[in-house]
Amino acid sequence: EEQVVESGGGLVQAGGSLRLSCAASGFTLDDYTIAWFRQAPGKEREGVACITKSDGVTYLADSVKGRFTISSDNAKNTVYLQMNKLTPEDTAVYYCAGSSLWLDAIDPVGRLLAVHYDSWGQGTQVTVSS
């Protein structure tokens, strides 16, 4: 069974950093696109970042570009979201998701559509205090 499990959330002061981890099981990163989404109270789910190992593409939403990075460790079958310069606006539940679809033909921004993803984690809370 394909699964992804997030970890690494917590409470941090504005300007601080956190690193989220997404551990995959039942599949290898080479075959999937992994993305991070977030949802703040009262707001719609937002695609934050994605990585596709098969074509080496990574993409970051404009709202996090320059502050967040996405990376992967094939040996650990884990994807990371390094979040720096956090602001209270980054407060949300962060979800990791995996797509078994072949997304290489889709432009990077299109890969952040939630409809493409079929394996979702339970989410991890990130709270940034001002």
Foldseek 3Di string as FASTA:
>chain_A
DWAWAKDWADEEAAQAKTKMKIQIPPDFQQQKKKWKWWDDPPDDIGTAKIAHNVVGDIDGDPVQPPFWDWDDDRVRSMIMIIGGRDDQVPWTWMKMFIANDDCPVPPRVVVRDPVRTDYIYPTDTHGYHD
